[in-house]
Protein backbone atom coordinates (compact mmCIF):
# COMPACT_ATOMS: atom_id res chain seq x y z
CA MET A 1 -62.35 -73.42 -4.34
CA ARG A 2 -59.26 -71.42 -3.39
CA ILE A 3 -56.16 -73.40 -2.24
CA ILE A 4 -55.17 -72.22 1.15
CA PRO A 5 -51.44 -72.94 1.93
CA PRO A 6 -51.01 -75.54 4.72
CA GLU A 7 -49.18 -72.94 6.81
CA GLN A 8 -52.06 -70.66 6.90
CA GLN A 9 -54.52 -73.55 7.57
CA TYR A 10 -52.42 -74.95 10.43
CA LEU A 11 -51.79 -71.58 11.99
CA ILE A 12 -55.58 -70.97 12.28
CA HIS A 13 -56.01 -74.49 13.58
CA LEU A 14 -53.27 -73.99 16.23
CA LEU A 15 -55.07 -70.82 17.42
CA ALA A 16 -58.37 -72.65 17.47
CA SER A 17 -56.94 -75.45 19.70
CA VAL A 18 -55.68 -72.78 22.19
CA LEU A 19 -58.95 -70.96 22.18
CA HIS A 20 -60.66 -74.44 23.01
CA ASP A 21 -57.98 -75.58 25.39
CA ALA A 22 -57.38 -78.72 23.28
CA ARG A 23 -54.50 -80.56 21.90
CA PRO A 24 -53.86 -79.61 18.16
CA GLN A 25 -53.74 -82.18 15.44
CA ASN A 26 -50.37 -83.15 14.18
CA PRO A 27 -48.98 -80.92 11.53
CA PRO A 28 -49.21 -81.84 7.86
CA GLU A 29 -46.21 -83.77 6.70
CA TYR A 30 -44.61 -81.03 4.37
CA LEU A 31 -45.42 -77.95 6.52
CA ALA A 32 -42.91 -75.17 6.25
CA TRP A 33 -42.28 -74.33 9.89
CA GLU A 34 -40.21 -71.17 9.10
CA LYS A 35 -43.20 -69.81 6.87
CA LEU A 36 -45.62 -70.57 9.73
CA TYR A 37 -43.37 -68.78 12.23
CA ARG A 38 -43.03 -65.69 9.97
CA LEU A 39 -46.74 -65.64 9.42
CA SER A 40 -47.52 -65.82 13.08
CA VAL A 41 -45.14 -63.02 13.88
CA ARG A 42 -46.56 -60.82 11.16
CA HIS A 43 -50.15 -61.21 12.64
CA GLY A 44 -48.89 -60.77 16.17
CA VAL A 45 -49.95 -64.19 17.42
CA ALA A 46 -46.63 -66.19 17.64
CA ASN A 47 -46.79 -66.04 21.35
CA MET A 48 -50.30 -67.59 21.41
CA VAL A 49 -49.25 -70.14 18.85
CA PHE A 50 -46.49 -71.39 21.25
CA TYR A 51 -49.33 -72.46 23.73
CA GLY A 52 -50.55 -74.91 21.07
CA LEU A 53 -47.07 -76.08 19.93
CA LYS A 54 -45.95 -77.15 23.45
CA ARG A 55 -48.91 -79.65 23.47
CA LEU A 56 -47.58 -81.50 20.48
CA ASN A 57 -45.46 -84.67 20.88
CA ALA A 58 -41.70 -83.97 20.50
CA ASP A 59 -41.48 -85.38 17.15
CA GLN A 60 -44.25 -83.27 15.74
CA LYS A 61 -42.96 -79.96 17.08
CA PRO A 62 -40.97 -77.49 14.98
CA PRO A 63 -37.14 -77.92 14.89
CA GLN A 64 -35.45 -76.89 18.26
CA GLU A 65 -34.14 -73.63 17.08
CA LEU A 66 -37.44 -72.40 15.66
CA MET A 67 -39.29 -73.71 18.82
CA GLY A 68 -36.98 -71.53 20.77
CA LYS A 69 -38.02 -68.56 18.65
CA PHE A 70 -41.79 -69.29 19.59
CA HIS A 71 -40.80 -69.55 23.13
CA THR A 72 -39.11 -66.25 23.06
CA GLU A 73 -42.02 -64.55 21.67
CA TYR A 74 -44.23 -66.13 24.39
CA ARG A 75 -41.76 -64.99 27.21
CA LYS A 76 -41.65 -61.39 25.65
CA ALA A 77 -45.50 -61.32 25.78
CA ILE A 78 -45.60 -62.31 29.33
CA ALA A 79 -43.31 -59.54 30.30
CA LYS A 80 -44.92 -57.04 28.19
CA GLU A 81 -48.45 -57.88 29.44
CA ALA A 82 -47.34 -57.63 33.05
CA THR A 83 -45.72 -54.21 32.48
CA GLN A 84 -48.59 -52.97 30.49
CA HIS A 85 -50.96 -54.01 33.20
CA ILE A 86 -49.09 -52.23 36.02
CA ALA A 87 -48.64 -49.05 34.03
CA VAL A 88 -52.10 -48.88 32.83
CA GLU A 89 -53.50 -49.46 36.45
CA GLN A 90 -51.18 -46.68 37.56
CA ILE A 91 -52.50 -44.24 34.97
CA LEU A 92 -56.13 -45.08 35.69
CA SER A 93 -55.60 -44.60 39.49
CA ALA A 94 -53.82 -41.19 38.84
CA PHE A 95 -56.73 -40.08 36.51
CA GLU A 96 -59.23 -41.11 39.11
CA GLU A 97 -57.46 -39.17 41.89
CA ASN A 98 -57.02 -36.11 39.66
CA GLY A 99 -60.45 -36.00 38.24
CA ILE A 100 -59.78 -36.86 34.63
CA ASP A 101 -62.48 -38.73 32.84
CA CYS A 102 -61.20 -41.66 30.90
CA MET A 103 -62.28 -44.82 29.39
CA PRO A 104 -59.87 -47.83 28.60
CA LEU A 105 -60.59 -49.46 25.37
CA LYS A 106 -60.02 -52.58 23.10
CA GLY A 107 -57.27 -54.90 23.97
CA TYR A 108 -56.74 -53.87 27.71
CA LEU A 109 -60.37 -54.91 28.29
CA ILE A 110 -60.77 -57.89 25.92
CA LYS A 111 -57.45 -59.57 26.85
CA TYR A 112 -59.16 -60.81 30.05
CA LEU A 113 -61.54 -62.89 27.97
CA TYR A 114 -58.77 -64.95 26.38
CA PRO A 115 -57.58 -68.05 28.18
CA GLN A 116 -54.59 -66.18 29.35
CA PRO A 117 -54.29 -62.28 29.03
CA ASP A 118 -50.83 -62.42 27.67
CA MET A 119 -52.17 -64.30 24.60
CA ARG A 120 -53.75 -61.02 23.42
CA LEU A 121 -50.62 -58.87 22.55
CA MET A 122 -51.07 -55.01 22.47
CA ALA A 123 -48.70 -52.83 20.49
CA ASP A 124 -50.16 -49.86 22.36
CA VAL A 125 -52.85 -49.17 25.01
CA ASP A 126 -55.85 -47.08 23.89
CA ILE A 127 -57.59 -44.85 26.42
CA LEU A 128 -60.40 -42.32 25.59
CA PHE A 129 -60.46 -38.92 27.23
CA LYS A 130 -62.27 -35.62 26.97
CA ASN A 131 -60.58 -33.06 24.69
CA GLU A 132 -61.06 -30.20 27.09
CA GLN A 133 -58.74 -32.09 29.54
CA THR A 134 -55.89 -32.46 27.23
CA GLU A 135 -53.50 -30.24 29.40
CA GLN A 136 -54.32 -32.04 32.53
CA VAL A 137 -53.58 -35.33 30.94
CA LYS A 138 -50.41 -34.05 29.49
CA LYS A 139 -49.21 -32.78 32.78
CA LEU A 140 -50.12 -35.93 34.58
CA MET A 141 -48.53 -38.24 31.99
CA LEU A 142 -45.31 -36.32 32.02
CA GLU A 143 -45.24 -36.63 35.85
CA LEU A 144 -45.72 -40.34 35.52
CA GLY A 145 -42.51 -40.46 33.58
CA PHE A 146 -43.81 -40.65 29.85
CA THR A 147 -42.63 -38.57 27.08
CA LEU A 148 -45.05 -36.85 24.58
CA GLU A 149 -44.26 -38.37 21.19
CA HIS A 150 -47.06 -36.72 19.20
CA GLN A 151 -49.83 -34.39 20.10
CA GLY A 152 -52.99 -33.47 17.91
CA GLY A 153 -55.45 -35.11 15.64
CA ASN A 154 -57.42 -38.18 16.78
CA HIS A 155 -54.97 -38.99 19.66
CA ASP A 156 -51.84 -38.06 21.46
CA VAL A 157 -49.06 -40.65 21.86
CA TYR A 158 -47.12 -41.04 25.15
CA TYR A 159 -44.15 -43.44 25.53
CA LYS A 160 -42.10 -44.79 28.31
CA LYS A 161 -39.27 -47.34 27.91
CA PRO A 162 -39.05 -50.33 27.25
CA PHE A 163 -42.42 -50.62 25.41
CA MET A 164 -45.11 -48.66 27.03
CA ASN A 165 -46.97 -46.90 24.13
CA ILE A 166 -50.20 -45.16 25.28
CA GLU A 167 -52.65 -43.63 22.79
CA MET A 168 -54.78 -41.11 24.49
CA HIS A 169 -57.85 -40.69 22.13
CA ARG A 170 -59.96 -37.53 21.98
CA ARG A 171 -61.77 -39.14 19.09
CA LEU A 172 -62.24 -42.85 18.31
CA VAL A 173 -62.16 -42.40 14.51
CA ALA A 174 -61.36 -39.57 12.19
CA GLU A 175 -63.72 -36.86 11.57
CA ASN A 176 -64.35 -37.94 7.91
CA SER A 177 -65.14 -41.59 8.90
CA PRO A 178 -68.54 -42.80 8.10
CA TYR A 179 -68.80 -43.80 11.81
CA SER A 180 -67.72 -40.47 13.13
CA ALA A 181 -71.22 -39.28 14.01
CA TYR A 182 -72.12 -42.39 15.68
CA LEU A 183 -68.95 -42.71 17.87
CA SER A 184 -69.15 -38.89 18.73
CA LYS A 185 -71.90 -39.99 21.19
CA THR A 186 -69.72 -42.47 23.01
CA TRP A 187 -69.61 -40.57 26.09
CA ASP A 188 -73.29 -40.36 26.16
CA ARG A 189 -73.57 -44.04 26.06
CA ALA A 190 -70.98 -44.70 28.76
CA THR A 191 -71.59 -45.20 32.43
CA LEU A 192 -69.19 -44.87 35.41
CA LYS A 193 -67.48 -48.07 36.41
CA SER A 194 -68.63 -49.28 39.82
CA GLY A 195 -66.94 -47.45 42.69
CA CYS A 196 -65.29 -44.88 40.39
CA ARG A 197 -66.03 -41.25 39.71
CA CYS A 198 -63.80 -40.79 36.55
CA ILE A 199 -63.36 -44.22 34.97
CA TRP A 200 -66.11 -44.92 32.35
CA GLN A 201 -67.13 -47.98 30.52
CA LEU A 202 -69.62 -49.02 27.78
CA SER A 203 -72.31 -51.46 28.05
CA PRO A 204 -71.43 -54.97 26.70
CA GLU A 205 -73.47 -54.26 23.58
CA ASP A 206 -71.88 -50.93 22.71
CA PHE A 207 -68.42 -52.23 23.45
CA TYR A 208 -69.06 -54.98 21.00
CA ILE A 209 -70.28 -52.46 18.32
CA TYR A 210 -67.29 -50.41 18.90
CA LEU A 211 -64.96 -53.42 18.36
CA LEU A 212 -66.73 -54.11 14.98
CA ILE A 213 -66.37 -50.54 13.98
CA HIS A 214 -62.65 -50.54 14.92
CA LEU A 215 -62.08 -53.69 12.93
CA THR A 216 -64.03 -52.35 10.05
CA LYS A 217 -61.91 -49.20 9.96
CA HIS A 218 -58.61 -51.15 9.63
CA TYR A 219 -60.14 -53.73 7.27
CA THR A 220 -61.24 -50.99 4.79
CA GLY A 221 -57.97 -49.13 5.20
CA GLY A 222 -54.80 -51.21 4.87
CA GLY A 223 -56.32 -54.46 6.08
CA THR A 224 -56.34 -56.13 9.49
CA GLY A 225 -55.16 -59.42 10.65
CA ILE A 226 -56.25 -62.76 12.36
CA ARG A 227 -56.11 -61.12 15.90
CA SER A 228 -58.84 -58.70 15.34
CA PHE A 229 -61.09 -61.57 14.36
CA ILE A 230 -60.13 -63.56 17.38
CA ASP A 231 -61.24 -60.65 19.36
CA ILE A 232 -64.68 -60.65 17.96
CA TRP A 233 -65.02 -64.40 18.21
CA VAL A 234 -63.84 -64.45 21.86
CA TYR A 235 -66.16 -61.52 22.80
CA HIS A 236 -69.03 -63.06 20.96
CA CYS A 237 -68.57 -66.46 22.65
CA HIS A 238 -68.14 -64.92 26.07
CA ASP A 239 -71.18 -62.72 26.00
CA GLN A 240 -73.52 -64.03 23.33
CA ASP A 241 -76.25 -65.27 25.83
CA ALA A 242 -76.10 -62.02 27.80
CA LEU A 243 -76.11 -59.34 24.95
CA ASP A 244 -79.23 -57.63 23.74
CA TRP A 245 -78.95 -58.75 20.13
CA ASP A 246 -82.05 -56.75 18.98
CA TYR A 247 -80.26 -53.61 20.02
CA VAL A 248 -77.04 -54.62 18.49
CA ARG A 249 -78.63 -55.53 15.19
CA THR A 250 -80.66 -52.27 15.21
CA GLU A 251 -77.62 -50.08 15.93
CA LEU A 252 -75.46 -51.95 13.20
CA GLU A 253 -78.28 -51.54 10.67
CA ALA A 254 -78.38 -47.76 11.46
CA ILE A 255 -74.68 -47.53 10.42
CA ASN A 256 -74.82 -49.89 7.46
CA LEU A 257 -72.64 -52.51 9.18
CA ARG A 258 -75.00 -55.25 9.96
CA GLU A 259 -74.26 -57.37 6.84
CA PHE A 260 -70.49 -57.05 7.31
CA ALA A 261 -70.71 -57.76 11.11
CA GLU A 262 -72.61 -61.05 10.33
CA ASN A 263 -69.86 -61.97 7.92
CA ILE A 264 -67.12 -61.21 10.47
CA ARG A 265 -68.85 -63.49 13.04
CA ALA A 266 -69.27 -66.24 10.44
CA ILE A 267 -65.53 -66.13 9.50
CA GLY A 268 -64.57 -66.46 13.16
CA GLU A 269 -66.90 -69.46 13.33
CA VAL A 270 -65.35 -71.10 10.25
CA TRP A 271 -61.89 -70.54 11.69
CA PHE A 272 -62.44 -71.28 15.43
CA GLY A 273 -65.84 -73.10 15.56
CA SER A 274 -67.86 -75.40 13.39
CA GLY A 275 -68.97 -73.10 10.60
CA GLN A 276 -68.94 -73.94 7.02
CA SER A 277 -66.85 -71.89 4.60
CA ASN A 278 -67.82 -70.57 1.09
CA GLY A 279 -66.35 -68.59 -1.71
CA LEU A 280 -66.74 -65.22 -0.09
CA TYR A 281 -65.29 -66.35 3.22
CA GLU A 282 -62.16 -67.87 1.47
CA GLU A 283 -61.72 -64.63 -0.47
CA MET A 284 -62.00 -62.60 2.75
CA THR A 285 -59.58 -65.07 4.43
CA GLU A 286 -57.02 -64.58 1.77
CA TYR A 287 -57.29 -60.79 2.09
CA ILE A 288 -56.97 -61.05 5.96
CA ILE A 289 -53.93 -63.33 5.84
CA LEU A 290 -52.17 -61.14 3.43
CA SER A 291 -52.94 -58.05 5.41
CA GLY A 292 -50.93 -59.00 8.43
CA ALA A 293 -51.65 -57.45 11.90
CA TYR A 294 -51.79 -53.90 10.84
CA GLY A 295 -52.41 -54.04 7.14
CA THR A 296 -50.27 -53.35 4.15
CA LYS A 297 -49.55 -50.16 2.18
CA LYS A 298 -50.88 -51.61 -1.04
CA HIS A 299 -54.13 -52.62 0.58
CA SER A 300 -54.41 -49.16 1.94
CA ILE A 301 -53.89 -47.55 -1.39
CA ILE A 302 -56.28 -49.79 -3.29
CA SER A 303 -59.00 -49.34 -0.74
CA ALA A 304 -58.53 -45.65 -0.57
CA THR A 305 -58.40 -45.28 -4.43
CA SER A 306 -61.65 -47.25 -4.83
CA ILE A 307 -63.56 -44.89 -2.49
CA ARG A 308 -61.96 -41.63 -3.41
CA ALA A 309 -62.52 -42.13 -7.12
CA ASP A 310 -66.28 -42.16 -6.72
CA GLN A 311 -66.14 -39.25 -4.31
CA LYS A 312 -64.10 -37.02 -6.56
CA ARG A 313 -65.47 -38.21 -9.97
CA LEU A 314 -61.84 -38.62 -11.04
CA PRO A 315 -59.97 -41.94 -12.17
CA SER A 316 -59.07 -43.54 -8.97
CA LYS A 317 -55.24 -43.25 -9.12
CA TYR A 318 -55.40 -39.45 -10.02
CA ALA A 319 -57.84 -38.94 -6.99
CA TYR A 320 -55.33 -40.69 -4.76
CA TRP A 321 -52.30 -38.77 -6.13
CA LEU A 322 -54.20 -35.53 -5.36
CA GLN A 323 -54.93 -36.73 -1.83
CA LEU A 324 -51.32 -37.79 -1.29
CA PHE A 325 -49.46 -34.52 -2.60
CA PHE A 326 -52.19 -32.05 -1.63
CA PRO A 327 -53.87 -33.14 1.63
CA PRO A 328 -56.97 -31.09 2.69
CA LEU A 329 -56.73 -28.35 5.37
CA LYS A 330 -58.19 -30.44 8.13
CA THR A 331 -55.63 -33.10 7.47
CA LEU A 332 -52.55 -30.67 7.48
CA LYS A 333 -53.87 -28.83 10.51
CA ILE A 334 -52.61 -31.65 12.67
CA SER A 335 -49.03 -31.15 11.54
CA TYR A 336 -49.42 -27.46 11.15
CA PRO A 337 -51.73 -26.12 13.92
CA PHE A 338 -51.18 -22.56 12.80
CA LEU A 339 -53.36 -23.31 9.75
CA THR A 340 -56.48 -23.01 11.97
CA ALA A 341 -55.85 -19.33 12.32
CA TRP A 342 -54.24 -18.75 8.75
CA PRO A 343 -55.86 -21.23 6.35
CA SER A 344 -54.54 -19.24 3.52
CA LEU A 345 -51.03 -20.68 4.11
CA LEU A 346 -52.27 -24.06 3.02
CA PRO A 347 -50.38 -23.87 -0.40
CA ALA A 348 -47.20 -22.94 1.53
CA CYS A 349 -47.60 -25.86 3.79
CA TRP A 350 -47.88 -28.22 0.72
CA VAL A 351 -44.62 -27.01 -0.49
CA LEU A 352 -43.00 -27.17 3.04
CA ARG A 353 -44.32 -30.83 3.41
CA GLY A 354 -43.07 -31.86 0.06
CA ILE A 355 -39.47 -30.41 0.86
CA LYS A 356 -39.41 -32.10 4.29
CA SER A 357 -40.53 -35.46 2.66
CA LEU A 358 -37.67 -35.32 0.13
CA LEU A 359 -34.95 -34.25 2.59
CA PHE A 360 -35.88 -36.32 5.70
CA LYS A 361 -38.25 -39.07 4.41
CA ARG A 362 -36.84 -39.72 1.10
CA SER A 363 -36.91 -43.51 1.09
CA HIS A 364 -40.51 -43.58 2.57
CA THR A 365 -41.67 -41.00 -0.08
CA PHE A 366 -40.35 -42.94 -3.13
CA HIS A 367 -41.69 -46.22 -1.58
CA MET A 368 -45.08 -44.49 -1.45
CA ILE A 369 -44.76 -43.20 -5.09
CA SER A 370 -43.68 -46.70 -6.20
CA ALA A 371 -46.55 -48.45 -4.38
CA VAL A 372 -49.25 -46.04 -5.79
CA HIS A 373 -47.77 -46.51 -9.23
CA SER A 374 -47.97 -50.32 -8.83
CA VAL A 375 -51.66 -50.35 -8.15
CA SER A 376 -53.75 -51.31 -11.23
CA GLY A 377 -57.38 -50.68 -12.28
CA ASP A 378 -57.79 -54.48 -11.79
CA ASP A 379 -56.60 -54.23 -8.28
CA VAL A 380 -59.01 -51.60 -7.36
CA ALA A 381 -61.89 -53.41 -9.18
CA ARG A 382 -61.11 -56.70 -7.19
CA MET A 383 -60.99 -54.77 -3.95
CA GLU A 384 -64.20 -52.90 -4.53
CA SER A 385 -65.89 -56.21 -5.56
CA LEU A 386 -64.82 -57.91 -2.37
CA HIS A 387 -65.81 -55.07 -0.05
CA LYS A 388 -69.19 -54.91 -1.62
CA LYS A 389 -69.87 -58.60 -1.31
CA ALA A 390 -68.81 -58.51 2.28
CA GLY A 391 -71.36 -55.78 3.03
CA LEU A 392 -69.09 -52.62 2.83
CA LEU A 393 -68.98 -49.52 0.97
CA LYS A 394 -72.74 -48.86 1.39
CA GLN A 395 -71.93 -45.92 3.69
CA TYR A 396 -69.78 -44.24 1.00
């Protein structure tokens, strides 16, 4: 049995109490509140934790200064959710009026299944659009006061102060993802929202499958945190009696995701329901807790090396070094669009990219090199073993 630190245990308990609208149990006697606070911030759930903490008796709450920090996170989330809601409604209304097909995704929809929508923080808002309407989207977003921060690849990024970050997705996953073919048919599965001519939505079943794929993408990348698992548990609890589970299981089986999806649901039940843990779930929990909300660079490197080694028939670290220093054409076309017309310039772009990294991203570049160097063969073996036990890597 793995020993889970009390701060991790109590964090999950606090979140469970909020989801069940119940008063949490008193904290363990030697709980390190500062550690719990940092952990909750790292997973993007400090605002949600505040809802549980304020139900404790005064003598059981964190020290006043720390309670103030939780309260600040709560207030920031309230303001951010309200601002995001108004901005996205404005965007969707403008798209509807101008004939731009779109589909809001992820957090913007699932937040309404939480006890309070502000509990589900969003770093950015994701909206799917049709690639052929890229210039129309750009024109309209600029008219709405956004600046274009990045264009190309899977999504374009638009920003407006103080914290409106909109990711306009032309694709839901990268072209080389094992789920690319399945998600390329998302528009075929979508239906128009009632009363709309340009705002689309997925069926409850297809939206649930998309949530699972999105979680899996991050879990097998740098890792993903507690919040993603809350999403799945909340959605499952909300619609479990209404979903066509035969359809869901069939679709997940087709993309080799059924076993992992069942483990995801089971972990949610262990954390937030009445499920029983086991060795696998404890190991996965440790990986999730260490990942934080958006994963870690080391987890990303370990996962990537375990997959790429098999693909390239090279020792894993060498395969990753090649990918890091000599990205393929389809990757560099995002940063250097002219490669589409002149692919023979790829070697020159490798050199240019290296010079730019040393001149303008020196700290990040050496941090990456250090992180790759720190990964051992044992790290890769443990990660590969965990992913296989959890039901992953079959598609690779």
